[in-house]
C-alpha atoms as a PDB file:
ATOM      1  CA  MET A   1      82.422 101.682 117.747  1.00  0.00           C
ATOM      2  CA  ALA A   2      78.791 101.707 116.679  1.00  0.00           C
ATOM      3  CA  PHE A   3      78.113 102.524 113.067  1.00  0.00           C
ATOM      4  CA  PRO A   4      74.994 104.381 111.932  1.00  0.00           C
ATOM      5  CA  PRO A   5      72.343 102.368 110.089  1.00  0.00           C
ATOM      6  CA  ALA A   6      72.733 102.155 106.326  1.00  0.00           C
ATOM      7  CA  ALA A   7      70.670 104.553 104.263  1.00  0.00           C
ATOM      8  CA  SER A   8      67.736 102.900 102.577  1.00  0.00           C
ATOM      9  CA  ARG A   9      66.202 103.449  99.186  1.00  0.00           C
ATOM     10  CA  ALA A  10      62.663 102.847  98.069  1.00  0.00           C
ATOM     11  CA  PRO A  11      62.362  99.902  95.691  1.00  0.00           C
ATOM     12  CA  ALA A  12      62.251 100.786  92.003  1.00  0.00           C
ATOM     13  CA  PRO A  13      58.785 100.530  90.420  1.00  0.00           C
ATOM     14  CA  ASP A  14      58.087  97.322  88.509  1.00  0.00           C
ATOM     15  CA  ALA A  15      58.001  98.120  84.780  1.00  0.00           C
ATOM     16  CA  ARG A  16      54.992  95.855  84.202  1.00  0.00           C
ATOM     17  CA  THR A  17      52.738  96.982  87.026  1.00  0.00           C
ATOM     18  CA  GLY A  18      54.121 100.315  88.255  1.00  0.00           C
ATOM     19  CA  ASP A  19      54.035  98.789  91.733  1.00  0.00           C
ATOM     20  CA  ALA A  20      56.997  99.986  93.803  1.00  0.00           C
ATOM     21  CA  ALA A  21      57.286  96.611  95.504  1.00  0.00           C
ATOM     22  CA  GLY A  22      57.069  94.655  92.247  1.00  0.00           C
ATOM     23  CA  PRO A  23      54.728  91.770  91.517  1.00  0.00           C
ATOM     24  CA  ALA A  24      53.946  89.439  94.379  1.00  0.00           C
ATOM     25  CA  ALA A  25      55.088  85.829  94.199  1.00  0.00           C
ATOM     26  CA  PRO A  26      52.285  83.320  93.613  1.00  0.00           C
ATOM     27  CA  ALA A  27      50.881  81.813  96.800  1.00  0.00           C
ATOM     28  CA  GLY A  28      53.158  79.100  98.131  1.00  0.00           C
ATOM     29  CA  GLU A  29      56.102  80.176  95.938  1.00  0.00           C
ATOM     30  CA  PRO A  30      59.231  81.855  97.296  1.00  0.00           C
ATOM     31  CA  ASP A  31      59.597  85.539  96.499  1.00  0.00           C
ATOM     32  CA  ASP A  32      62.715  85.772  94.360  1.00  0.00           C
ATOM     33  CA  ALA A  33      62.572  89.510  93.701  1.00  0.00           C
ATOM     34  CA  THR A  34      65.893  91.292  93.900  1.00  0.00           C
ATOM     35  CA  MET A  35      66.081  93.905  96.641  1.00  0.00           C
ATOM     36  CA  LEU A  36      68.003  97.149  96.191  1.00  0.00           C
ATOM     37  CA  VAL A  37      70.406  98.023  98.969  1.00  0.00           C
ATOM     38  CA  ALA A  38      72.359 101.165  99.669  1.00  0.00           C
ATOM     39  CA  ARG A  39      76.085 100.765  99.086  1.00  0.00           C
ATOM     40  CA  ARG A  40      78.088 101.375 102.202  1.00  0.00           C
ATOM     41  CA  HIS A  41      81.266 103.378 102.018  1.00  0.00           C
ATOM     42  CA  GLY A  42      83.479 102.366 104.893  1.00  0.00           C
ATOM     43  CA  THR A  43      84.702 105.069 107.203  1.00  0.00           C
ATOM     44  CA  TRP A  44      88.313 106.099 106.779  1.00  0.00           C
ATOM     45  CA  TYR A  45      90.492 107.613 109.471  1.00  0.00           C
ATOM     46  CA  LEU A  46      93.506 109.884 109.250  1.00  0.00           C
ATOM     47  CA  ALA A  47      96.105 109.756 112.033  1.00  0.00           C
ATOM     48  CA  LEU A  48      97.840 113.111 112.357  1.00  0.00           C
ATOM     49  CA  PRO A  49     101.415 113.694 113.583  1.00  0.00           C
ATOM     50  CA  ASP A  50     100.175 114.697 117.070  1.00  0.00           C
ATOM     51  CA  ARG A  51      98.387 111.290 117.289  1.00  0.00           C
ATOM     52  CA  THR A  52      94.953 112.839 116.826  1.00  0.00           C
ATOM     53  CA  VAL A  53      92.702 110.618 114.685  1.00  0.00           C
ATOM     54  CA  VAL A  54      90.206 112.307 112.375  1.00  0.00           C
ATOM     55  CA  ALA A  55      87.285 110.512 110.673  1.00  0.00           C
ATOM     56  CA  LEU A  56      87.119 111.442 107.008  1.00  0.00           C
ATOM     57  CA  THR A  57      83.459 112.252 106.491  1.00  0.00           C
ATOM     58  CA  GLY A  58      83.281 112.890 102.767  1.00  0.00           C
ATOM     59  CA  ASP A  59      85.002 112.134  99.502  1.00  0.00           C
ATOM     60  CA  SER A  60      87.661 114.823  99.848  1.00  0.00           C
ATOM     61  CA  ALA A  61      89.654 116.551 102.573  1.00  0.00           C
ATOM     62  CA  VAL A  62      92.025 119.495 102.447  1.00  0.00           C
ATOM     63  CA  LEU A  63      95.018 119.361 104.795  1.00  0.00           C
ATOM     64  CA  GLY A  64      97.318 122.040 106.169  1.00  0.00           C
ATOM     65  CA  ARG A  65      98.203 124.275 109.121  1.00  0.00           C
ATOM     66  CA  ASN A  66      95.227 126.552 108.360  1.00  0.00           C
ATOM     67  CA  PRO A  67      93.641 124.990 105.259  1.00  0.00           C
ATOM     68  CA  VAL A  68      91.025 126.449 102.967  1.00  0.00           C
ATOM     69  CA  ALA A  69      89.091 124.256 100.538  1.00  0.00           C
ATOM     70  CA  PRO A  70      90.332 124.861  96.987  1.00  0.00           C
ATOM     71  CA  PRO A  71      87.948 126.212  94.328  1.00  0.00           C
ATOM     72  CA  HIS A  72      87.834 122.834  92.529  1.00  0.00           C
ATOM     73  CA  ALA A  73      86.801 121.054  95.784  1.00  0.00           C
ATOM     74  CA  PRO A  74      84.716 123.606  97.717  1.00  0.00           C
ATOM     75  CA  ARG A  75      83.020 120.933  99.866  1.00  0.00           C
ATOM     76  CA  ALA A  76      86.258 119.283 100.973  1.00  0.00           C
ATOM     77  CA  GLN A  77      86.470 118.496 104.681  1.00  0.00           C
ATOM     78  CA  VAL A  78      88.955 120.853 106.336  1.00  0.00           C
ATOM     79  CA  VAL A  79      91.571 119.040 108.459  1.00  0.00           C
ATOM     80  CA  THR A  80      94.026 121.173 110.417  1.00  0.00           C
ATOM     81  CA  VAL A  81      97.423 119.551 110.922  1.00  0.00           C
ATOM     82  CA  ASP A  82      99.168 120.682 114.123  1.00  0.00           C
ATOM     83  CA  ASP A  83     102.622 121.172 112.664  1.00  0.00           C
ATOM     84  CA  VAL A  84     105.449 120.676 115.147  1.00  0.00           C
ATOM     85  CA  THR A  85     107.847 120.149 112.214  1.00  0.00           C
ATOM     86  CA  ARG A  86     107.149 123.637 110.799  1.00  0.00           C
ATOM     87  CA  THR A  87     107.179 122.095 107.308  1.00  0.00           C
ATOM     88  CA  VAL A  88     103.430 121.982 106.556  1.00  0.00           C
ATOM     89  CA  SER A  89     101.978 124.757 104.391  1.00  0.00           C
ATOM     90  CA  LYS A  90      98.763 126.584 105.316  1.00  0.00           C
ATOM     91  CA  THR A  91      96.875 124.735 102.572  1.00  0.00           C
ATOM     92  CA  HIS A  92      99.169 121.829 101.746  1.00  0.00           C
ATOM     93  CA  ALA A  93      97.318 118.911 100.095  1.00  0.00           C
ATOM     94  CA  LEU A  94      93.974 117.503  98.994  1.00  0.00           C
ATOM     95  CA  LEU A  95      92.886 113.929  99.694  1.00  0.00           C
ATOM     96  CA  THR A  96      90.322 112.498  97.257  1.00  0.00           C
ATOM     97  CA  ARG A  97      88.459 109.189  97.616  1.00  0.00           C
ATOM     98  CA  THR A  98      88.491 106.985  94.520  1.00  0.00           C
ATOM     99  CA  ALA A  99      86.918 103.623  93.736  1.00  0.00           C
ATOM    100  CA  THR A 100      90.074 101.891  94.981  1.00  0.00           C
ATOM    101  CA  GLY A 101      91.144 104.072  97.925  1.00  0.00           C
ATOM    102  CA  TRP A 102      92.518 107.598  98.234  1.00  0.00           C
ATOM    103  CA  THR A 103      94.808 109.878  96.258  1.00  0.00           C
ATOM    104  CA  VAL A 104      96.779 112.860  97.526  1.00  0.00           C
ATOM    105  CA  THR A 105      97.366 116.018  95.488  1.00  0.00           C
ATOM    106  CA  ASP A 106     100.032 118.579  96.358  1.00  0.00           C
ATOM    107  CA  LEU A 107      98.427 122.037  96.371  1.00  0.00           C
ATOM    108  CA  ASP A 108     101.660 123.878  95.508  1.00  0.00           C
ATOM    109  CA  SER A 109     103.066 123.404  99.002  1.00  0.00           C
ATOM    110  CA  THR A 110     106.509 124.678  99.961  1.00  0.00           C
ATOM    111  CA  ASN A 111     107.930 121.367 101.217  1.00  0.00           C
ATOM    112  CA  GLY A 112     106.088 118.857  99.047  1.00  0.00           C
ATOM    113  CA  VAL A 113     104.029 115.711  99.536  1.00  0.00           C
ATOM    114  CA  PHE A 114     105.652 112.276  99.734  1.00  0.00           C
ATOM    115  CA  VAL A 115     103.968 108.859  99.605  1.00  0.00           C
ATOM    116  CA  GLY A 116     105.500 105.966 101.526  1.00  0.00           C
ATOM    117  CA  ASP A 117     105.888 104.494 104.976  1.00  0.00           C
ATOM    118  CA  THR A 118     109.210 106.069 105.959  1.00  0.00           C
ATOM    119  CA  ALA A 119     110.948 109.314 105.081  1.00  0.00           C
ATOM    120  CA  ASP A 120     113.821 107.299 103.581  1.00  0.00           C
ATOM    121  CA  THR A 121     111.614 105.393 101.131  1.00  0.00           C
ATOM    122  CA  ALA A 122     108.820 107.895 100.412  1.00  0.00           C
ATOM    123  CA  ALA A 123     108.460 109.132  96.829  1.00  0.00           C
ATOM    124  CA  GLU A 124     107.666 112.761  96.079  1.00  0.00           C
ATOM    125  CA  VAL A 125     104.243 113.380  94.556  1.00  0.00           C
ATOM    126  CA  ASP A 126     104.216 115.219  91.249  1.00  0.00           C
ATOM    127  CA  GLY A 127     100.551 116.143  90.816  1.00  0.00           C
ATOM    128  CA  SER A 128      98.424 113.358  92.356  1.00  0.00           C
ATOM    129  CA  ALA A 129      99.306 109.881  93.612  1.00  0.00           C
ATOM    130  CA  PRO A 130      97.509 106.973  95.300  1.00  0.00           C
ATOM    131  CA  ILE A 131      98.120 106.591  99.031  1.00  0.00           C
ATOM    132  CA  GLY A 132      99.042 103.253 100.573  1.00  0.00           C
ATOM    133  CA  ASP A 133      99.071 103.721 104.334  1.00  0.00           C
ATOM    134  CA  ALA A 134     101.425 106.576 105.115  1.00  0.00           C
ATOM    135  CA  PHE A 135     102.344 109.852 103.468  1.00  0.00           C
ATOM    136  CA  PHE A 136     104.205 113.002 104.413  1.00  0.00           C
ATOM    137  CA  LEU A 137     103.340 116.677 104.240  1.00  0.00           C
ATOM    138  CA  GLY A 138     106.854 118.089 104.349  1.00  0.00           C
ATOM    139  CA  ASP A 139     108.367 116.210 107.315  1.00  0.00           C
ATOM    140  CA  ALA A 140     105.009 115.533 109.026  1.00  0.00           C
ATOM    141  CA  ARG A 141     103.940 111.864 108.756  1.00  0.00           C
ATOM    142  CA  LEU A 142     100.224 111.018 108.429  1.00  0.00           C
ATOM    143  CA  VAL A 143      98.627 107.569 108.263  1.00  0.00           C
ATOM    144  CA  LEU A 144      95.384 106.676 106.469  1.00  0.00           C
ATOM    145  CA  ARG A 145      93.372 103.657 107.670  1.00  0.00           C
ATOM    146  CA  ALA A 146      90.086 102.060 106.676  1.00  0.00           C
ATOM    147  CA  GLY A 147      87.607 101.589 109.516  1.00  0.00           C
ATOM    148  CA  ALA A 148      86.279  98.198 110.518  1.00  0.00           C
END
């Protein structure tokens, strides 16, 4: 998979000269100026119960059979979950990227959100919870993975 080039930023102006590139190193001396780089957020992928894999393109995603972004996250990516289990609500949960990974929030679904690898060991989410790898919307298992 080819990744797009990183976004670039213009260098900050040097406080002494106002020069965007900063002062030049004296002739024959190495240039030891610090360069600013854009931070790269790795791509994350969500594997749905029907084995479809969706790239998460932003910092939040709303999940459900026919989801609508909630008022507190109007720009959330909308991810439709094909529900063969018939246990996923129309607007079931919100995924939110944090500094350390992702959290899932139950949006007052009928059958709940559970975090864990298997249905036997998954813990029900009361409010929001960090996601390891797998979580459940009702009986539907989803898996979250970081891209390479």
